[in-house]
Amino acid sequence: MDGTLFRIGGLPITGYGLLVALAALTALLLTLRRKREWAVWVRFAVCVLLGGWLGARLMYVLPDLLMGWLNELGVIAEHNSVYLNAIGSAEPALFFWEGGYSLAGLIPGAVLGARIAEGWTHAEKGSLRDLLAPALPAFVLIERLAEHGGNLGVGVEVSAGWLIGLGICPKADGAYFHPLYLYEALLAAAVLIAMSVLAFTRGEKRPGGDLLRLCLVLLCLPMVALEAFRPLTGHMIIHFVNVTQVVMMLLALAVTVRWGARALRRGSVLTVCAGWAAVIAGIGAAVYSIFGMEKDWLSRGLAYALIALSAAVIGAVTLLFRRAGGDPSEP
């Protein structure tokens, strides 16, 4: 999907780019089914598209620029920035048509765009953001499937013989690698089904914004675990810290904070304190596992298991907070 199909005004149009555009169109059409007011939807679509595009671009170039500048200052070493030219200028970062976008930036950018659209259209707080609950996993599903046949969705090499059946073989030497794009596409499909059922059957029975928050928990936390299969040559900061893992964890934790505060207002002090102790332990275990893989403190299998367990604990606590917080009148 990486090859150029044709050019428009000198700009190359690739198969992958066309499928990403299809993913965005599909996601927006899902929101149109739920929001019939045309004028409101158009403003919503403009804000979400611009927010998602800017977020995806900025999240891709800013970590590289940051690491490049730190390298020039001598704070870190061995980072060859893609977006700093020979004289240290960040001008190459403006060449957005040459590619370079991050799903980790698209999601918060789209959410921010929907929030701006709510203010622009005077819509009920959270109502437009909830439209993203089926749309985001639909986009991720198509975008990840579009990575088939290229290097974007290839994970680390399959080390256990009994897992060979899960692997793909993109190299001539016959080595098998985890099809990370497929793992994340299957996750997105499951979240899409769940969000679609909830959106079209119980959309009026929850505080505004809660459907999107639930989507973020179910989508982002498993991706924290799955991104551990991504090679260290990908979108990294400080050499081995996966940017997508960090952002997805922060998005989920934002929901944890929101629902934890709601539970605290309902008087569930013991539940919230115990829950946050478990969350902090989970974050610590995940960070230790990531560093453990890099420093060879842990085997990869054990590190993967700890990261997955940490994500599961944080998710369970977040859902517990949601239950303890009840159904407040204010979202």
C-alpha atoms as a PDB file:
ATOM      1  CA  MET A   1       0.000   0.000   0.000  1.00  0.00           C
ATOM      2  CA  ASP A   2       3.045   2.262   0.086  1.00  0.00           C
ATOM      3  CA  GLY A   3       3.443   2.748  -3.675  1.00  0.00           C
ATOM      4  CA  THR A   4       2.441   5.938  -5.490  1.00  0.00           C
ATOM      5  CA  LEU A   5      -0.742   5.436  -7.534  1.00  0.00           C
ATOM      6  CA  PHE A   6      -0.865   8.852  -9.214  1.00  0.00           C
ATOM      7  CA  ARG A   7      -0.019  12.500  -8.629  1.00  0.00           C
ATOM      8  CA  ILE A   8      -2.130  15.597  -8.174  1.00  0.00           C
ATOM      9  CA  GLY A   9      -0.258  18.831  -8.838  1.00  0.00           C
ATOM     10  CA  GLY A  10       3.021  17.034  -8.257  1.00  0.00           C
ATOM     11  CA  LEU A  11       1.900  15.578  -4.908  1.00  0.00           C
ATOM     12  CA  PRO A  12       2.111  11.769  -4.764  1.00  0.00           C
ATOM     13  CA  ILE A  13      -1.099   9.903  -3.902  1.00  0.00           C
ATOM     14  CA  THR A  14      -0.415   6.466  -2.413  1.00  0.00           C
ATOM     15  CA  GLY A  15      -2.700   3.530  -1.861  1.00  0.00           C
ATOM     16  CA  TYR A  16      -2.201   3.904   1.871  1.00  0.00           C
ATOM     17  CA  GLY A  17      -3.140   7.586   1.697  1.00  0.00           C
ATOM     18  CA  LEU A  18      -6.330   6.812  -0.201  1.00  0.00           C
ATOM     19  CA  LEU A  19      -7.340   4.210   2.363  1.00  0.00           C
ATOM     20  CA  VAL A  20      -6.689   6.646   5.212  1.00  0.00           C
ATOM     21  CA  ALA A  21      -8.946   9.143   3.442  1.00  0.00           C
ATOM     22  CA  LEU A  22     -11.555   6.387   3.128  1.00  0.00           C
ATOM     23  CA  ALA A  23     -11.176   5.702   6.848  1.00  0.00           C
ATOM     24  CA  ALA A  24     -11.814   9.378   7.660  1.00  0.00           C
ATOM     25  CA  LEU A  25     -14.845   9.481   5.348  1.00  0.00           C
ATOM     26  CA  THR A  26     -16.281   6.301   6.869  1.00  0.00           C
ATOM     27  CA  ALA A  27     -15.792   7.639  10.390  1.00  0.00           C
ATOM     28  CA  LEU A  28     -17.559  10.882   9.541  1.00  0.00           C
ATOM     29  CA  LEU A  29     -20.457   9.060   7.872  1.00  0.00           C
ATOM     30  CA  LEU A  30     -20.948   7.092  11.081  1.00  0.00           C
ATOM     31  CA  THR A  31     -21.351  10.376  12.948  1.00  0.00           C
ATOM     32  CA  LEU A  32     -23.801  11.655  10.308  1.00  0.00           C
ATOM     33  CA  ARG A  33     -26.139   8.755  10.992  1.00  0.00           C
ATOM     34  CA  ARG A  34     -26.442   9.919  14.575  1.00  0.00           C
ATOM     35  CA  LYS A  35     -26.515  13.696  14.035  1.00  0.00           C
ATOM     36  CA  ARG A  36     -29.087  14.705  11.433  1.00  0.00           C
ATOM     37  CA  GLU A  37     -28.764  18.503  11.781  1.00  0.00           C
ATOM     38  CA  TRP A  38     -26.780  19.296   8.653  1.00  0.00           C
ATOM     39  CA  ALA A  39     -25.366  22.693   9.698  1.00  0.00           C
ATOM     40  CA  VAL A  40     -24.224  21.331  13.057  1.00  0.00           C
ATOM     41  CA  TRP A  41     -22.680  18.267  11.465  1.00  0.00           C
ATOM     42  CA  VAL A  42     -20.738  20.290   8.881  1.00  0.00           C
ATOM     43  CA  ARG A  43     -19.147  22.429  11.607  1.00  0.00           C
ATOM     44  CA  PHE A  44     -18.464  19.305  13.640  1.00  0.00           C
ATOM     45  CA  ALA A  45     -16.847  17.571  10.652  1.00  0.00           C
ATOM     46  CA  VAL A  46     -14.636  20.578   9.855  1.00  0.00           C
ATOM     47  CA  CYS A  47     -13.420  20.861  13.444  1.00  0.00           C
ATOM     48  CA  VAL A  48     -12.777  17.126  13.823  1.00  0.00           C
ATOM     49  CA  LEU A  49     -10.958  16.821  10.494  1.00  0.00           C
ATOM     50  CA  LEU A  50      -8.731  19.827  11.163  1.00  0.00           C
ATOM     51  CA  GLY A  51      -8.133  18.841  14.778  1.00  0.00           C
ATOM     52  CA  GLY A  52      -7.329  15.259  13.881  1.00  0.00           C
ATOM     53  CA  TRP A  53      -5.030  16.248  11.020  1.00  0.00           C
ATOM     54  CA  LEU A  54      -3.120  18.851  13.037  1.00  0.00           C
ATOM     55  CA  GLY A  55      -2.874  16.565  16.047  1.00  0.00           C
ATOM     56  CA  ALA A  56      -1.586  13.666  13.954  1.00  0.00           C
ATOM     57  CA  ARG A  57       1.044  15.845  12.298  1.00  0.00           C
ATOM     58  CA  LEU A  58       2.212  17.618  15.448  1.00  0.00           C
ATOM     59  CA  MET A  59       2.447  14.399  17.453  1.00  0.00           C
ATOM     60  CA  TYR A  60       4.645  12.932  14.728  1.00  0.00           C
ATOM     61  CA  VAL A  61       7.084  15.823  14.250  1.00  0.00           C
ATOM     62  CA  LEU A  62       7.324  17.339  17.756  1.00  0.00           C
ATOM     63  CA  PRO A  63       8.970  14.324  19.499  1.00  0.00           C
ATOM     64  CA  ASP A  64      11.510  14.142  16.683  1.00  0.00           C
ATOM     65  CA  LEU A  65      12.221  17.883  16.890  1.00  0.00           C
ATOM     66  CA  LEU A  66      12.498  17.732  20.674  1.00  0.00           C
ATOM     67  CA  MET A  67      14.966  14.879  20.563  1.00  0.00           C
ATOM     68  CA  GLY A  68      16.899  16.568  17.759  1.00  0.00           C
ATOM     69  CA  TRP A  69      17.276  19.800  19.713  1.00  0.00           C
ATOM     70  CA  LEU A  70      18.293  17.892  22.855  1.00  0.00           C
ATOM     71  CA  ASN A  71      20.883  16.091  20.763  1.00  0.00           C
ATOM     72  CA  GLU A  72      22.281  19.390  19.499  1.00  0.00           C
ATOM     73  CA  LEU A  73      22.479  20.679  23.083  1.00  0.00           C
ATOM     74  CA  GLY A  74      24.390  17.570  24.122  1.00  0.00           C
ATOM     75  CA  VAL A  75      21.689  16.400  26.549  1.00  0.00           C
ATOM     76  CA  ILE A  76      21.226  13.147  24.649  1.00  0.00           C
ATOM     77  CA  ALA A  77      23.240  11.447  21.963  1.00  0.00           C
ATOM     78  CA  GLU A  78      22.708   9.356  18.849  1.00  0.00           C
ATOM     79  CA  HIS A  79      19.478  10.912  17.632  1.00  0.00           C
ATOM     80  CA  ASN A  80      19.421  11.859  13.971  1.00  0.00           C
ATOM     81  CA  SER A  81      16.397  14.105  13.559  1.00  0.00           C
ATOM     82  CA  VAL A  82      14.310  13.727  10.420  1.00  0.00           C
ATOM     83  CA  TYR A  83      12.890  17.252  10.679  1.00  0.00           C
ATOM     84  CA  LEU A  84      15.987  19.276  11.537  1.00  0.00           C
ATOM     85  CA  ASN A  85      18.087  20.270   8.560  1.00  0.00           C
ATOM     86  CA  ALA A  86      21.850  20.760   8.503  1.00  0.00           C
ATOM     87  CA  ILE A  87      21.652  24.242  10.089  1.00  0.00           C
ATOM     88  CA  GLY A  88      19.265  23.186  12.845  1.00  0.00           C
ATOM     89  CA  SER A  89      16.141  24.684  11.265  1.00  0.00           C
ATOM     90  CA  ALA A  90      12.777  22.929  11.686  1.00  0.00           C
ATOM     91  CA  GLU A  91      11.600  23.982   8.218  1.00  0.00           C
ATOM     92  CA  PRO A  92      11.332  20.354   6.964  1.00  0.00           C
ATOM     93  CA  ALA A  93       8.563  19.793   9.530  1.00  0.00           C
ATOM     94  CA  LEU A  94       6.323  22.062   7.428  1.00  0.00           C
ATOM     95  CA  PHE A  95       6.453  19.710   4.445  1.00  0.00           C
ATOM     96  CA  PHE A  96       3.318  17.830   5.505  1.00  0.00           C
ATOM     97  CA  TRP A  97       2.742  16.472   2.008  1.00  0.00           C
ATOM     98  CA  GLU A  98       5.794  14.250   2.391  1.00  0.00           C
ATOM     99  CA  GLY A  99       4.020  12.166   5.035  1.00  0.00           C
ATOM    100  CA  GLY A 100       4.530  11.620   8.721  1.00  0.00           C
ATOM    101  CA  TYR A 101       1.418  11.370  10.889  1.00  0.00           C
ATOM    102  CA  SER A 102       0.643   9.725  14.219  1.00  0.00           C
ATOM    103  CA  LEU A 103      -2.540   7.996  15.330  1.00  0.00           C
ATOM    104  CA  ALA A 104      -1.559   8.987  18.863  1.00  0.00           C
ATOM    105  CA  GLY A 105      -2.030  12.613  17.887  1.00  0.00           C
ATOM    106  CA  LEU A 106      -5.094  12.139  15.719  1.00  0.00           C
ATOM    107  CA  ILE A 107      -7.278  10.862  18.569  1.00  0.00           C
ATOM    108  CA  PRO A 108      -6.759  13.766  21.031  1.00  0.00           C
ATOM    109  CA  GLY A 109      -6.851  16.202  18.102  1.00  0.00           C
ATOM    110  CA  ALA A 110     -10.224  14.883  16.959  1.00  0.00           C
ATOM    111  CA  VAL A 111     -11.580  14.971  20.521  1.00  0.00           C
ATOM    112  CA  LEU A 112     -10.437  18.574  20.917  1.00  0.00           C
ATOM    113  CA  GLY A 113     -12.017  19.421  17.566  1.00  0.00           C
ATOM    114  CA  ALA A 114     -15.341  17.951  18.699  1.00  0.00           C
ATOM    115  CA  ARG A 115     -15.146  19.984  21.917  1.00  0.00           C
ATOM    116  CA  ILE A 116     -14.562  23.168  19.908  1.00  0.00           C
ATOM    117  CA  ALA A 117     -17.516  22.260  17.679  1.00  0.00           C
ATOM    118  CA  GLU A 118     -19.747  21.973  20.753  1.00  0.00           C
ATOM    119  CA  GLY A 119     -18.897  25.542  21.676  1.00  0.00           C
ATOM    120  CA  TRP A 120     -19.265  26.746  18.090  1.00  0.00           C
ATOM    121  CA  THR A 121     -22.716  25.190  17.625  1.00  0.00           C
ATOM    122  CA  HIS A 122     -23.897  25.657  21.245  1.00  0.00           C
ATOM    123  CA  ALA A 123     -24.547  21.924  21.388  1.00  0.00           C
ATOM    124  CA  GLU A 124     -25.101  20.127  24.682  1.00  0.00           C
ATOM    125  CA  LYS A 125     -21.799  19.442  26.424  1.00  0.00           C
ATOM    126  CA  GLY A 126     -20.448  16.044  25.435  1.00  0.00           C
ATOM    127  CA  SER A 127     -23.074  15.367  22.767  1.00  0.00           C
ATOM    128  CA  LEU A 128     -20.778  15.881  19.770  1.00  0.00           C
ATOM    129  CA  ARG A 129     -17.835  14.176  21.426  1.00  0.00           C
ATOM    130  CA  ASP A 130     -19.977  11.082  21.908  1.00  0.00           C
ATOM    131  CA  LEU A 131     -20.374  10.935  18.125  1.00  0.00           C
ATOM    132  CA  LEU A 132     -16.694   9.983  17.988  1.00  0.00           C
ATOM    133  CA  ALA A 133     -17.237   6.800  20.016  1.00  0.00           C
ATOM    134  CA  PRO A 134     -18.055   4.621  16.971  1.00  0.00           C
ATOM    135  CA  ALA A 135     -16.086   6.833  14.571  1.00  0.00           C
ATOM    136  CA  LEU A 136     -12.636   6.536  16.174  1.00  0.00           C
ATOM    137  CA  PRO A 137     -12.464   2.712  16.229  1.00  0.00           C
ATOM    138  CA  ALA A 138     -13.854   2.648  12.673  1.00  0.00           C
ATOM    139  CA  PHE A 139     -11.003   4.891  11.547  1.00  0.00           C
ATOM    140  CA  VAL A 140      -8.409   2.805  13.397  1.00  0.00           C
ATOM    141  CA  LEU A 141      -9.804  -0.397  11.888  1.00  0.00           C
ATOM    142  CA  ILE A 142      -9.492   0.775   8.284  1.00  0.00           C
ATOM    143  CA  GLU A 143      -6.204   2.606   8.807  1.00  0.00           C
ATOM    144  CA  ARG A 144      -4.540  -0.394  10.408  1.00  0.00           C
ATOM    145  CA  LEU A 145      -5.770  -2.733   7.665  1.00  0.00           C
ATOM    146  CA  ALA A 146      -4.318  -0.271   5.151  1.00  0.00           C
ATOM    147  CA  GLU A 147      -0.893  -1.018   6.624  1.00  0.00           C
ATOM    148  CA  HIS A 148      -1.023  -4.559   5.221  1.00  0.00           C
ATOM    149  CA  GLY A 149       1.793  -5.211   2.797  1.00  0.00           C
ATOM    150  CA  GLY A 150       4.041  -2.438   4.126  1.00  0.00           C
ATOM    151  CA  ASN A 151       6.398  -1.969   7.033  1.00  0.00           C
ATOM    152  CA  LEU A 152       4.181   0.277   9.151  1.00  0.00           C
ATOM    153  CA  GLY A 153       2.225  -2.537  10.749  1.00  0.00           C
ATOM    154  CA  VAL A 154       5.042  -5.053  11.213  1.00  0.00           C
ATOM    155  CA  GLY A 155       5.848  -5.911  14.813  1.00  0.00           C
ATOM    156  CA  VAL A 156       8.865  -7.556  16.391  1.00  0.00           C
ATOM    157  CA  GLU A 157      10.084 -10.964  15.314  1.00  0.00           C
ATOM    158  CA  VAL A 158       8.099 -13.957  16.537  1.00  0.00           C
ATOM    159  CA  SER A 159      10.338 -15.740  19.014  1.00  0.00           C
ATOM    160  CA  ALA A 160       8.149 -18.642  20.184  1.00  0.00           C
ATOM    161  CA  GLY A 161       7.779 -21.456  17.677  1.00  0.00           C
ATOM    162  CA  TRP A 162       4.116 -22.111  18.481  1.00  0.00           C
ATOM    163  CA  LEU A 163       3.325 -18.484  17.552  1.00  0.00           C
ATOM    164  CA  ILE A 164       4.652 -18.792  14.010  1.00  0.00           C
ATOM    165  CA  GLY A 165       1.094 -19.207  12.750  1.00  0.00           C
ATOM    166  CA  LEU A 166       0.371 -15.647  13.870  1.00  0.00           C
ATOM    167  CA  GLY A 167       3.342 -14.212  12.030  1.00  0.00           C
ATOM    168  CA  ILE A 168       3.839 -12.607   8.653  1.00  0.00           C
ATOM    169  CA  CYS A 169       6.950 -12.908   6.534  1.00  0.00           C
ATOM    170  CA  PRO A 170       7.806  -9.556   4.925  1.00  0.00           C
ATOM    171  CA  LYS A 171      11.506 -10.302   4.443  1.00  0.00           C
ATOM    172  CA  ALA A 172      13.300 -12.579   2.061  1.00  0.00           C
ATOM    173  CA  ASP A 173      15.181 -14.346   4.832  1.00  0.00           C
ATOM    174  CA  GLY A 174      11.994 -16.085   5.964  1.00  0.00           C
ATOM    175  CA  ALA A 175      11.855 -14.482   9.424  1.00  0.00           C
ATOM    176  CA  TYR A 176       8.382 -14.217  10.929  1.00  0.00           C
ATOM    177  CA  PHE A 177       7.086 -11.053  12.577  1.00  0.00           C
ATOM    178  CA  HIS A 178       4.011 -10.213  14.604  1.00  0.00           C
ATOM    179  CA  PRO A 179       1.257  -8.688  12.414  1.00  0.00           C
ATOM    180  CA  LEU A 180       0.737  -5.747  14.752  1.00  0.00           C
ATOM    181  CA  TYR A 181      -1.557  -4.017  12.275  1.00  0.00           C
ATOM    182  CA  LEU A 182      -3.890  -7.023  12.408  1.00  0.00           C
ATOM    183  CA  TYR A 183      -3.906  -7.208  16.211  1.00  0.00           C
ATOM    184  CA  GLU A 184      -4.877  -3.553  16.471  1.00  0.00           C
ATOM    185  CA  ALA A 185      -7.435  -3.848  13.661  1.00  0.00           C
ATOM    186  CA  LEU A 186      -9.154  -6.706  15.516  1.00  0.00           C
ATOM    187  CA  LEU A 187      -9.171  -4.637  18.699  1.00  0.00           C
ATOM    188  CA  ALA A 188     -10.697  -1.686  16.837  1.00  0.00           C
ATOM    189  CA  ALA A 189     -13.350  -3.949  15.301  1.00  0.00           C
ATOM    190  CA  ALA A 190     -14.383  -5.233  18.732  1.00  0.00           C
ATOM    191  CA  VAL A 191     -14.566  -1.692  20.161  1.00  0.00           C
ATOM    192  CA  LEU A 192     -16.502  -0.511  17.099  1.00  0.00           C
ATOM    193  CA  ILE A 193     -19.121  -3.208  17.612  1.00  0.00           C
ATOM    194  CA  ALA A 194     -19.456  -2.397  21.308  1.00  0.00           C
ATOM    195  CA  MET A 195     -19.679   1.368  20.723  1.00  0.00           C
ATOM    196  CA  SER A 196     -22.182   0.966  17.897  1.00  0.00           C
ATOM    197  CA  VAL A 197     -24.474  -1.138  20.057  1.00  0.00           C
ATOM    198  CA  LEU A 198     -24.279   1.331  22.935  1.00  0.00           C
ATOM    199  CA  ALA A 199     -24.592   4.400  20.707  1.00  0.00           C
ATOM    200  CA  PHE A 200     -27.707   3.273  18.914  1.00  0.00           C
ATOM    201  CA  THR A 201     -29.494   1.583  21.804  1.00  0.00           C
ATOM    202  CA  ARG A 202     -28.689   3.548  24.966  1.00  0.00           C
ATOM    203  CA  GLY A 203     -27.550   6.936  23.702  1.00  0.00           C
ATOM    204  CA  GLU A 204     -29.941   8.943  25.893  1.00  0.00           C
ATOM    205  CA  LYS A 205     -29.266   7.177  29.204  1.00  0.00           C
ATOM    206  CA  ARG A 206     -25.789   8.442  30.127  1.00  0.00           C
ATOM    207  CA  PRO A 207     -24.051  11.761  30.805  1.00  0.00           C
ATOM    208  CA  GLY A 208     -22.763  13.564  27.736  1.00  0.00           C
ATOM    209  CA  GLY A 209     -19.222  12.537  26.882  1.00  0.00           C
ATOM    210  CA  ASP A 210     -19.311   9.246  28.785  1.00  0.00           C
ATOM    211  CA  LEU A 211     -19.662   7.138  25.651  1.00  0.00           C
ATOM    212  CA  LEU A 212     -16.481   8.643  24.223  1.00  0.00           C
ATOM    213  CA  ARG A 213     -14.705   8.160  27.555  1.00  0.00           C
ATOM    214  CA  LEU A 214     -15.679   4.494  27.587  1.00  0.00           C
ATOM    215  CA  CYS A 215     -14.412   4.181  24.008  1.00  0.00           C
ATOM    216  CA  LEU A 216     -11.063   5.686  24.995  1.00  0.00           C
ATOM    217  CA  VAL A 217     -10.668   3.233  27.866  1.00  0.00           C
ATOM    218  CA  LEU A 218     -11.530   0.183  25.749  1.00  0.00           C
ATOM    219  CA  LEU A 219      -9.422   1.292  22.781  1.00  0.00           C
ATOM    220  CA  CYS A 220      -6.397   3.007  24.321  1.00  0.00           C
ATOM    221  CA  LEU A 221      -5.456   0.691  27.188  1.00  0.00           C
ATOM    222  CA  PRO A 222      -5.232  -2.484  25.055  1.00  0.00           C
ATOM    223  CA  MET A 223      -3.195  -0.492  22.529  1.00  0.00           C
ATOM    224  CA  VAL A 224      -0.701   0.320  25.278  1.00  0.00           C
ATOM    225  CA  ALA A 225      -0.089  -3.420  25.567  1.00  0.00           C
ATOM    226  CA  LEU A 226      -0.162  -4.140  21.830  1.00  0.00           C
ATOM    227  CA  GLU A 227       2.286  -1.340  21.025  1.00  0.00           C
ATOM    228  CA  ALA A 228       4.883  -3.231  23.054  1.00  0.00           C
ATOM    229  CA  PHE A 229       5.172  -5.455  19.960  1.00  0.00           C
ATOM    230  CA  ARG A 230       6.342  -2.502  17.837  1.00  0.00           C
ATOM    231  CA  PRO A 231      10.067  -2.479  16.947  1.00  0.00           C
ATOM    232  CA  LEU A 232      12.253   0.160  18.556  1.00  0.00           C
ATOM    233  CA  THR A 233      12.865   1.684  15.124  1.00  0.00           C
ATOM    234  CA  GLY A 234       9.332   3.143  15.106  1.00  0.00           C
ATOM    235  CA  HIS A 235       7.872   6.369  16.526  1.00  0.00           C
ATOM    236  CA  MET A 236       9.994   6.637  19.665  1.00  0.00           C
ATOM    237  CA  ILE A 237      11.245   9.183  22.147  1.00  0.00           C
ATOM    238  CA  ILE A 238      14.344   8.671  24.314  1.00  0.00           C
ATOM    239  CA  HIS A 239      15.298   5.853  21.937  1.00  0.00           C
ATOM    240  CA  PHE A 240      12.963   3.147  23.267  1.00  0.00           C
ATOM    241  CA  VAL A 241       9.850   4.848  24.712  1.00  0.00           C
ATOM    242  CA  ASN A 242       6.961   4.406  22.293  1.00  0.00           C
ATOM    243  CA  VAL A 243       5.126   7.717  21.789  1.00  0.00           C
ATOM    244  CA  THR A 244       1.852   5.937  21.044  1.00  0.00           C
ATOM    245  CA  GLN A 245       2.049   3.990  24.308  1.00  0.00           C
ATOM    246  CA  VAL A 246       2.583   7.181  26.305  1.00  0.00           C
ATOM    247  CA  VAL A 247      -0.254   9.110  24.660  1.00  0.00           C
ATOM    248  CA  MET A 248      -2.717   6.217  24.830  1.00  0.00           C
ATOM    249  CA  MET A 249      -1.968   5.751  28.522  1.00  0.00           C
ATOM    250  CA  LEU A 250      -2.474   9.467  29.172  1.00  0.00           C
ATOM    251  CA  LEU A 251      -5.810   9.477  27.327  1.00  0.00           C
ATOM    252  CA  ALA A 252      -7.047   6.551  29.412  1.00  0.00           C
ATOM    253  CA  LEU A 253      -5.767   8.132  32.631  1.00  0.00           C
ATOM    254  CA  ALA A 254      -7.655  11.327  31.797  1.00  0.00           C
ATOM    255  CA  VAL A 255     -10.844   9.250  31.926  1.00  0.00           C
ATOM    256  CA  THR A 256      -9.674   7.632  35.177  1.00  0.00           C
ATOM    257  CA  VAL A 257      -9.230  11.075  36.716  1.00  0.00           C
ATOM    258  CA  ARG A 258     -12.646  12.234  35.507  1.00  0.00           C
ATOM    259  CA  TRP A 259     -14.553   9.208  36.767  1.00  0.00           C
ATOM    260  CA  GLY A 260     -12.465   9.043  39.932  1.00  0.00           C
ATOM    261  CA  ALA A 261     -13.408  12.639  40.761  1.00  0.00           C
ATOM    262  CA  ARG A 262     -17.050  11.794  40.128  1.00  0.00           C
ATOM    263  CA  ALA A 263     -16.847   8.803  42.464  1.00  0.00           C
ATOM    264  CA  LEU A 264     -15.149  10.957  45.099  1.00  0.00           C
ATOM    265  CA  ARG A 265     -17.994  13.470  44.958  1.00  0.00           C
ATOM    266  CA  ARG A 266     -20.367  10.601  45.627  1.00  0.00           C
ATOM    267  CA  GLY A 267     -18.486   9.798  48.831  1.00  0.00           C
ATOM    268  CA  SER A 268     -16.588   6.699  47.634  1.00  0.00           C
ATOM    269  CA  VAL A 269     -13.364   7.808  49.324  1.00  0.00           C
ATOM    270  CA  LEU A 270     -12.046   4.339  50.187  1.00  0.00           C
ATOM    271  CA  THR A 271     -12.795   3.033  46.699  1.00  0.00           C
ATOM    272  CA  VAL A 272     -11.021   5.950  45.054  1.00  0.00           C
ATOM    273  CA  CYS A 273      -7.943   5.724  47.306  1.00  0.00           C
ATOM    274  CA  ALA A 274      -7.598   1.980  46.811  1.00  0.00           C
ATOM    275  CA  GLY A 275      -8.219   2.355  43.110  1.00  0.00           C
ATOM    276  CA  TRP A 276      -5.547   4.992  42.647  1.00  0.00           C
ATOM    277  CA  ALA A 277      -3.071   2.876  44.586  1.00  0.00           C
ATOM    278  CA  ALA A 278      -3.711   0.077  42.084  1.00  0.00           C
ATOM    279  CA  VAL A 279      -3.430   2.489  39.138  1.00  0.00           C
ATOM    280  CA  ILE A 280      -0.099   3.865  40.357  1.00  0.00           C
ATOM    281  CA  ALA A 281       1.180   0.325  40.847  1.00  0.00           C
ATOM    282  CA  GLY A 282       0.026  -0.553  37.342  1.00  0.00           C
ATOM    283  CA  ILE A 283       1.782   2.456  35.827  1.00  0.00           C
ATOM    284  CA  GLY A 284       4.952   1.579  37.722  1.00  0.00           C
ATOM    285  CA  ALA A 285       4.839  -2.020  36.515  1.00  0.00           C
ATOM    286  CA  ALA A 286       4.308  -0.910  32.905  1.00  0.00           C
ATOM    287  CA  VAL A 287       7.218   1.558  33.031  1.00  0.00           C
ATOM    288  CA  TYR A 288       9.469  -1.046  34.667  1.00  0.00           C
ATOM    289  CA  SER A 289       8.533  -3.558  31.962  1.00  0.00           C
ATOM    290  CA  ILE A 290       9.361  -1.137  29.136  1.00  0.00           C
ATOM    291  CA  PHE A 291      12.734  -0.323  30.667  1.00  0.00           C
ATOM    292  CA  GLY A 292      13.216  -3.997  31.529  1.00  0.00           C
ATOM    293  CA  MET A 293      12.955  -5.037  27.891  1.00  0.00           C
ATOM    294  CA  GLU A 294      15.445  -2.363  26.841  1.00  0.00           C
ATOM    295  CA  LYS A 295      17.945  -3.142  29.594  1.00  0.00           C
ATOM    296  CA  ASP A 296      17.460  -6.935  29.437  1.00  0.00           C
ATOM    297  CA  TRP A 297      16.202  -7.039  33.020  1.00  0.00           C
ATOM    298  CA  LEU A 298      13.139  -8.997  31.886  1.00  0.00           C
ATOM    299  CA  SER A 299      12.385 -11.466  29.145  1.00  0.00           C
ATOM    300  CA  ARG A 300      10.151 -10.069  26.412  1.00  0.00           C
ATOM    301  CA  GLY A 301       7.386 -12.531  27.258  1.00  0.00           C
ATOM    302  CA  LEU A 302       7.312 -11.522  30.911  1.00  0.00           C
ATOM    303  CA  ALA A 303       7.459  -7.830  30.000  1.00  0.00           C
ATOM    304  CA  TYR A 304       4.523  -8.195  27.588  1.00  0.00           C
ATOM    305  CA  ALA A 305       2.519  -9.981  30.268  1.00  0.00           C
ATOM    306  CA  LEU A 306       3.223  -7.279  32.875  1.00  0.00           C
ATOM    307  CA  ILE A 307       2.260  -4.480  30.483  1.00  0.00           C
ATOM    308  CA  ALA A 308      -0.983  -6.258  29.570  1.00  0.00           C
ATOM    309  CA  LEU A 309      -1.753  -6.905  33.242  1.00  0.00           C
ATOM    310  CA  SER A 310      -1.056  -3.258  34.094  1.00  0.00           C
ATOM    311  CA  ALA A 311      -3.417  -2.062  31.356  1.00  0.00           C
ATOM    312  CA  ALA A 312      -6.100  -4.481  32.557  1.00  0.00           C
ATOM    313  CA  VAL A 313      -5.783  -3.273  36.169  1.00  0.00           C
ATOM    314  CA  ILE A 314      -6.013   0.387  35.153  1.00  0.00           C
ATOM    315  CA  GLY A 315      -9.019  -0.376  32.963  1.00  0.00           C
ATOM    316  CA  ALA A 316     -10.784  -2.300  35.734  1.00  0.00           C
ATOM    317  CA  VAL A 317     -10.201   0.512  38.228  1.00  0.00           C
ATOM    318  CA  THR A 318     -11.452   3.099  35.749  1.00  0.00           C
ATOM    319  CA  LEU A 319     -14.662   1.163  35.164  1.00  0.00           C
ATOM    320  CA  LEU A 320     -15.032   0.716  38.924  1.00  0.00           C
ATOM    321  CA  PHE A 321     -14.810   4.495  39.334  1.00  0.00           C
ATOM    322  CA  ARG A 322     -17.495   4.882  36.671  1.00  0.00           C
ATOM    323  CA  ARG A 323     -19.785   2.520  38.542  1.00  0.00           C
ATOM    324  CA  ALA A 324     -19.095   4.156  41.919  1.00  0.00           C
ATOM    325  CA  GLY A 325     -19.725   7.594  40.469  1.00  0.00           C
ATOM    326  CA  GLY A 326     -23.247   6.719  39.404  1.00  0.00           C
ATOM    327  CA  ASP A 327     -25.105   8.843  36.839  1.00  0.00           C
ATOM    328  CA  PRO A 328     -24.702  12.529  37.752  1.00  0.00           C
ATOM    329  CA  SER A 329     -26.860  15.214  36.216  1.00  0.00           C
ATOM    330  CA  GLU A 330     -23.785  17.141  35.063  1.00  0.00           C
ATOM    331  CA  PRO A 331     -21.428  15.427  32.555  1.00  0.00           C
END
